[in-house]
Amino acid sequence: MKKFFGISVVILIFLGGFVFYQFAKFNDSRLHIIFCDVGQGDGIFIRTASNKNFLIDAGSDEKIIGCLERHLPFWERNISVAFLSHPHLDHFAGFNYVVKRYNLISFATEDLNNKSASFQGLLSQIKDKGLKVQYLLAGDSFKTKDGARFLVLGPTKDYIQKTSPNGQIGESKESASLVILLSYGSFTSIFTGDSQATGLSEAISGSIQNIKIFGVPHHGSKTGLNSEILNKLKPSYAIISVGKNNKYGHPNAFTLDLLNKFNIKILRTDKNGDIEIISDGKSFKIR
């Protein structure tokens, strides 16, 4: 009996220490941004200082679940807003796994339709959960009580009508991805999905500059970036979400050379794995 009691005490102490460690680790009153290593795709998890969870894209498969498990406390199952930048498989298919494991409070995407069976299947799952899909345009925003703000910079309604007159993504060369600016105090980060240079230039035409963290468009493809964009944003770090040895040749040498020309520090999920940025609203660090 004494031996059993002693073992029980040890187990309780261990469990108590584990829970305390988890609580302290995930309640540090700081903003956390994780560019998840989901292979050839995008998946960005954000946890605000007040412990609200956001997801921008979810990659092409269940790899996003591994990232969420690594960066969320085991008891947490709520995601306040899941943003989909645009309905391409390498950005939305992972949501099929997310909706089965986590409680999505809101699902938001850009105002373009995609009639593919795979995307319509995802929308059916979301609607079966009782969620209404929100369609976003430039100017829409979300704000948390700790002051973190998600502002949609693009696409504008005019841009969608100009590039996709029938409301179908892929009608033109330019992709009307959501472009989202996250601000927390003086810290700023911008997420670009598969934006092309033309659309991104229009989205950032306002007074936006000195971005700390820049999510490079379209996995570092040649068509997503130009000198004018970098000269305006002046980012400190460029993060490229990309898969190892992908068949598309991403990131393109032109894009890497351009980023290096502007002396922007480059991090890549194919080389660095999950990339985590932590900010108190003034300074930030990367690990």
Protein backbone atom coordinates (compact mmCIF):
# COMPACT_ATOMS: atom_id res chain seq x y z
CA MET A 1 0.00 0.00 0.00
CA LYS A 2 2.81 2.43 0.91
CA LYS A 3 4.57 1.61 -2.35
CA PHE A 4 1.38 2.25 -4.31
CA PHE A 5 0.84 5.51 -2.44
CA GLY A 6 4.40 6.61 -3.18
CA ILE A 7 4.02 5.85 -6.89
CA SER A 8 0.73 7.76 -6.96
CA VAL A 9 2.35 10.80 -5.36
CA VAL A 10 5.19 10.73 -7.90
CA ILE A 11 2.69 10.51 -10.77
CA LEU A 12 0.62 13.38 -9.37
CA ILE A 13 3.73 15.53 -8.94
CA PHE A 14 4.80 14.74 -12.50
CA LEU A 15 1.36 15.54 -13.91
CA GLY A 16 1.16 18.73 -11.87
CA GLY A 17 4.56 19.82 -13.12
CA PHE A 18 3.61 19.03 -16.71
CA VAL A 19 0.37 21.02 -16.51
CA PHE A 20 2.18 23.95 -14.85
CA TYR A 21 4.84 23.90 -17.58
CA GLN A 22 2.19 23.83 -20.29
CA PHE A 23 0.25 26.67 -18.68
CA ALA A 24 3.36 28.85 -18.32
CA LYS A 25 4.56 28.06 -21.85
CA PHE A 26 1.29 28.97 -23.54
CA ASN A 27 0.27 31.90 -21.34
CA ASP A 28 3.17 34.32 -21.73
CA SER A 29 1.05 37.35 -22.78
CA ARG A 30 2.85 37.59 -26.12
CA LEU A 31 1.86 37.27 -29.74
CA HIS A 32 3.01 34.07 -31.42
CA ILE A 33 3.08 33.56 -35.19
CA ILE A 34 4.05 30.15 -36.54
CA PHE A 35 4.71 29.54 -40.21
CA CYS A 36 4.02 25.82 -40.14
CA ASP A 37 6.11 23.35 -42.09
CA VAL A 38 3.27 21.81 -44.13
CA GLY A 39 5.33 20.93 -47.18
CA GLN A 40 4.41 22.60 -50.48
CA GLY A 41 1.61 24.82 -49.19
CA ASP A 42 0.73 27.49 -46.67
CA GLY A 43 -0.35 27.12 -43.06
CA ILE A 44 0.10 29.93 -40.53
CA PHE A 45 -1.00 29.61 -36.91
CA ILE A 46 -1.35 32.72 -34.74
CA ARG A 47 -1.95 32.86 -30.98
CA THR A 48 -2.51 36.33 -29.55
CA ALA A 49 -1.44 37.67 -26.17
CA SER A 50 -4.96 37.01 -24.83
CA ASN A 51 -4.78 33.38 -26.05
CA LYS A 52 -7.08 33.74 -29.05
CA ASN A 53 -6.19 31.39 -31.89
CA PHE A 54 -6.24 32.15 -35.61
CA LEU A 55 -5.29 30.11 -38.64
CA ILE A 56 -4.43 31.41 -42.10
CA ASP A 57 -4.58 28.52 -44.59
CA ALA A 58 -4.00 24.90 -43.67
CA GLY A 59 -1.77 23.29 -46.27
CA SER A 60 -2.74 20.30 -48.38
CA ASP A 61 -3.02 17.51 -45.82
CA GLU A 62 -2.89 16.53 -42.13
CA LYS A 63 0.56 18.07 -41.51
CA ILE A 64 -1.22 21.18 -40.18
CA ILE A 65 -2.54 19.09 -37.28
CA GLY A 66 1.00 18.27 -36.18
CA CYS A 67 1.88 21.96 -36.19
CA LEU A 68 -1.19 22.87 -34.12
CA GLU A 69 -0.40 20.11 -31.63
CA ARG A 70 3.15 21.40 -31.26
CA HIS A 71 2.10 25.01 -30.67
CA LEU A 72 -1.20 24.74 -28.78
CA PRO A 73 -1.78 23.53 -25.21
CA PHE A 74 -3.27 20.04 -25.22
CA TRP A 75 -6.54 21.27 -23.72
CA GLU A 76 -7.16 23.99 -26.31
CA ARG A 77 -9.59 23.19 -29.12
CA ASN A 78 -10.98 26.58 -30.16
CA ILE A 79 -9.87 28.55 -33.22
CA SER A 80 -11.47 31.99 -33.29
CA VAL A 81 -11.12 32.62 -37.02
CA ALA A 82 -9.86 30.34 -39.77
CA PHE A 83 -8.89 32.41 -42.81
CA LEU A 84 -8.56 30.86 -46.26
CA SER A 85 -6.52 33.07 -48.55
CA HIS A 86 -7.95 31.44 -51.70
CA PRO A 87 -9.43 28.07 -52.70
CA HIS A 88 -6.43 26.17 -54.00
CA LEU A 89 -5.75 22.68 -52.62
CA ASP A 90 -2.35 23.46 -51.11
CA HIS A 91 -4.02 26.11 -48.97
CA PHE A 92 -7.42 24.63 -48.08
CA ALA A 93 -7.28 20.81 -48.07
CA GLY A 94 -5.78 20.71 -44.58
CA PHE A 95 -8.92 22.35 -43.22
CA ASN A 96 -10.68 19.01 -43.80
CA TYR A 97 -8.61 17.68 -40.90
CA VAL A 98 -8.82 20.84 -38.79
CA VAL A 99 -12.64 20.91 -38.73
CA LYS A 100 -12.68 17.35 -37.38
CA ARG A 101 -10.22 18.05 -34.55
CA TYR A 102 -10.88 21.67 -33.58
CA ASN A 103 -13.83 23.93 -32.91
CA LEU A 104 -13.85 26.68 -35.54
CA ILE A 105 -15.78 29.70 -34.34
CA SER A 106 -15.61 31.52 -37.68
CA PHE A 107 -14.46 30.71 -41.22
CA ALA A 108 -13.54 33.53 -43.61
CA THR A 109 -12.25 33.65 -47.17
CA GLU A 110 -12.15 35.91 -50.23
CA ASP A 111 -15.19 36.58 -52.38
CA LEU A 112 -14.48 34.16 -55.21
CA ASN A 113 -16.15 30.85 -55.87
CA ASN A 114 -14.55 27.53 -56.70
CA LYS A 115 -16.91 24.82 -57.91
CA SER A 116 -14.45 21.93 -57.51
CA ALA A 117 -15.83 18.95 -55.61
CA SER A 118 -12.99 19.11 -53.08
CA PHE A 119 -13.63 22.74 -52.14
CA GLN A 120 -17.40 22.32 -52.08
CA GLY A 121 -16.87 19.32 -49.80
CA LEU A 122 -14.96 21.49 -47.35
CA LEU A 123 -17.69 24.14 -47.42
CA SER A 124 -20.26 21.43 -46.69
CA GLN A 125 -18.28 20.28 -43.65
CA ILE A 126 -18.04 23.84 -42.40
CA LYS A 127 -21.75 24.49 -42.87
CA ASP A 128 -22.59 21.17 -41.19
CA LYS A 129 -20.81 22.56 -38.12
CA GLY A 130 -23.30 25.42 -38.12
CA LEU A 131 -20.79 27.98 -39.35
CA LYS A 132 -21.58 30.70 -41.83
CA VAL A 133 -18.80 31.44 -44.31
CA GLN A 134 -17.72 35.09 -44.25
CA TYR A 135 -16.55 36.56 -47.55
CA LEU A 136 -13.94 39.27 -47.06
CA LEU A 137 -12.82 42.28 -49.05
CA ALA A 138 -10.30 45.05 -48.47
CA GLY A 139 -11.21 47.06 -45.38
CA ASP A 140 -12.67 44.21 -43.33
CA SER A 141 -10.96 43.65 -39.99
CA PHE A 142 -10.89 41.57 -36.82
CA LYS A 143 -9.56 42.80 -33.47
CA THR A 144 -8.85 41.03 -30.19
CA LYS A 145 -9.12 42.54 -26.72
CA ASP A 146 -5.32 42.58 -26.38
CA GLY A 147 -5.08 44.96 -29.36
CA ALA A 148 -4.03 42.56 -32.11
CA ARG A 149 -5.72 43.57 -35.36
CA PHE A 150 -6.17 41.63 -38.59
CA LEU A 151 -6.85 44.04 -41.45
CA VAL A 152 -7.74 42.78 -44.93
CA LEU A 153 -5.78 44.84 -47.48
CA GLY A 154 -6.93 42.99 -50.55
CA PRO A 155 -8.49 42.07 -52.79
CA THR A 156 -10.75 45.01 -53.49
CA LYS A 157 -14.08 44.43 -55.19
CA ASP A 158 -12.80 46.32 -58.23
CA TYR A 159 -9.76 44.06 -58.46
CA ILE A 160 -11.90 40.91 -58.37
CA GLN A 161 -14.21 42.23 -61.06
CA LYS A 162 -11.22 43.25 -63.16
CA THR A 163 -9.32 39.97 -62.93
CA SER A 164 -12.13 37.44 -62.45
CA PRO A 165 -15.26 38.90 -64.05
CA ASN A 166 -17.25 35.68 -63.70
CA GLY A 167 -16.32 35.20 -60.04
CA GLN A 168 -14.08 32.23 -60.68
CA ILE A 169 -10.52 32.19 -59.37
CA GLY A 170 -7.98 31.35 -62.03
CA GLU A 171 -9.68 33.19 -64.87
CA SER A 172 -6.67 35.44 -65.16
CA LYS A 173 -2.98 35.24 -64.39
CA GLU A 174 -3.38 37.25 -61.20
CA SER A 175 -4.63 35.40 -58.13
CA ALA A 176 -6.99 37.37 -55.91
CA SER A 177 -5.70 35.99 -52.61
CA LEU A 178 -6.51 37.60 -49.31
CA VAL A 179 -3.74 39.93 -48.18
CA ILE A 180 -3.86 40.35 -44.41
CA LEU A 181 -1.95 42.84 -42.26
CA LEU A 182 -1.51 41.83 -38.62
CA SER A 183 -0.55 44.60 -36.21
CA TYR A 184 0.15 44.37 -32.49
CA GLY A 185 1.57 47.51 -30.94
CA SER A 186 4.39 48.60 -33.24
CA PHE A 187 4.89 45.05 -34.56
CA THR A 188 3.53 44.28 -38.03
CA SER A 189 3.36 41.23 -40.25
CA ILE A 190 1.77 40.73 -43.65
CA PHE A 191 0.40 37.48 -45.10
CA THR A 192 -0.04 37.25 -48.86
CA GLY A 193 -1.26 33.79 -49.89
CA ASP A 194 -0.60 33.26 -53.59
CA SER A 195 -0.81 36.94 -54.50
CA GLN A 196 0.73 38.02 -57.76
CA ALA A 197 2.79 41.20 -57.89
CA THR A 198 0.00 43.20 -59.55
CA GLY A 199 -2.59 42.33 -56.92
CA LEU A 200 -0.17 42.74 -54.03
CA SER A 201 0.93 46.16 -55.27
CA GLU A 202 -2.69 47.29 -55.31
CA ALA A 203 -3.36 45.84 -51.84
CA ILE A 204 -0.44 47.70 -50.23
CA SER A 205 -1.07 51.00 -52.00
CA GLY A 206 -1.95 52.71 -48.70
CA SER A 207 0.45 53.96 -46.01
CA ILE A 208 2.03 50.62 -45.13
CA GLN A 209 5.76 50.34 -44.58
CA ASN A 210 8.48 48.97 -42.33
CA ILE A 211 6.86 45.56 -42.06
CA LYS A 212 8.71 43.32 -39.60
CA ILE A 213 7.64 39.94 -41.00
CA PHE A 214 6.76 39.44 -44.66
CA GLY A 215 5.09 36.23 -45.81
CA VAL A 216 6.51 35.90 -49.32
CA PRO A 217 3.77 35.38 -51.94
CA HIS A 218 3.16 32.09 -53.72
CA HIS A 219 5.95 30.08 -52.10
CA GLY A 220 8.60 32.36 -53.57
CA SER A 221 7.51 32.09 -57.20
CA LYS A 222 8.91 34.54 -59.74
CA THR A 223 5.59 36.33 -60.35
CA GLY A 224 4.68 37.29 -56.79
CA LEU A 225 7.22 39.98 -56.06
CA ASN A 226 9.01 43.01 -57.48
CA SER A 227 11.34 45.78 -56.34
CA GLU A 228 8.53 48.29 -55.87
CA ILE A 229 6.79 46.06 -53.33
CA LEU A 230 9.93 45.53 -51.27
CA ASN A 231 10.90 49.18 -51.48
CA LYS A 232 7.51 50.12 -50.04
CA LEU A 233 7.19 47.46 -47.33
CA LYS A 234 10.86 47.42 -46.26
CA PRO A 235 10.47 44.12 -44.38
CA SER A 236 13.02 42.93 -41.85
CA TYR A 237 12.42 39.21 -42.47
CA ALA A 238 10.98 37.29 -45.40
CA ILE A 239 9.37 33.92 -44.64
CA ILE A 240 8.90 31.46 -47.50
CA SER A 241 6.46 28.57 -47.01
CA VAL A 242 7.70 25.90 -49.39
CA GLY A 243 8.18 22.14 -49.67
CA LYS A 244 11.51 20.38 -50.05
CA ASN A 245 12.51 19.52 -53.61
CA ASN A 246 9.13 20.61 -54.95
CA LYS A 247 8.37 20.11 -58.64
CA TYR A 248 7.70 23.83 -59.18
CA GLY A 249 11.24 24.98 -58.45
CA HIS A 250 10.06 27.19 -55.60
CA PRO A 251 11.48 29.46 -54.37
CA ASN A 252 12.57 30.96 -57.67
CA ALA A 253 16.15 32.23 -57.95
CA PHE A 254 14.84 35.62 -59.10
CA THR A 255 12.86 36.04 -55.87
CA LEU A 256 15.77 34.98 -53.67
CA ASP A 257 18.14 37.35 -55.48
CA LEU A 258 15.65 40.19 -55.11
CA LEU A 259 15.26 39.62 -51.38
CA ASN A 260 19.03 39.46 -50.97
CA LYS A 261 19.43 42.66 -52.97
CA PHE A 262 17.30 44.43 -50.35
CA ASN A 263 19.29 42.79 -47.51
CA ILE A 264 16.19 41.06 -46.18
CA LYS A 265 16.81 38.07 -43.93
CA ILE A 266 15.27 34.93 -45.45
CA LEU A 267 13.81 31.96 -43.58
CA ARG A 268 12.26 28.93 -45.29
CA THR A 269 10.07 26.16 -43.94
CA ASP A 270 11.81 23.58 -46.15
CA LYS A 271 15.09 24.37 -44.40
CA ASN A 272 14.03 25.72 -40.99
CA GLY A 273 10.88 23.69 -40.29
CA ASP A 274 8.26 25.53 -38.22
CA ILE A 275 9.25 29.19 -37.93
CA GLU A 276 7.98 30.94 -34.80
CA ILE A 277 7.91 34.71 -34.26
CA ILE A 278 7.20 36.02 -30.75
CA SER A 279 6.39 39.67 -30.01
CA ASP A 280 5.39 41.76 -27.01
CA GLY A 281 4.14 44.50 -29.34
CA LYS A 282 7.45 46.36 -29.27
CA SER A 283 10.27 43.96 -30.09
CA PHE A 284 10.21 40.46 -31.53
CA LYS A 285 12.34 37.35 -31.69
CA ILE A 286 12.42 34.32 -33.96
CA ARG A 287 12.99 30.76 -32.93
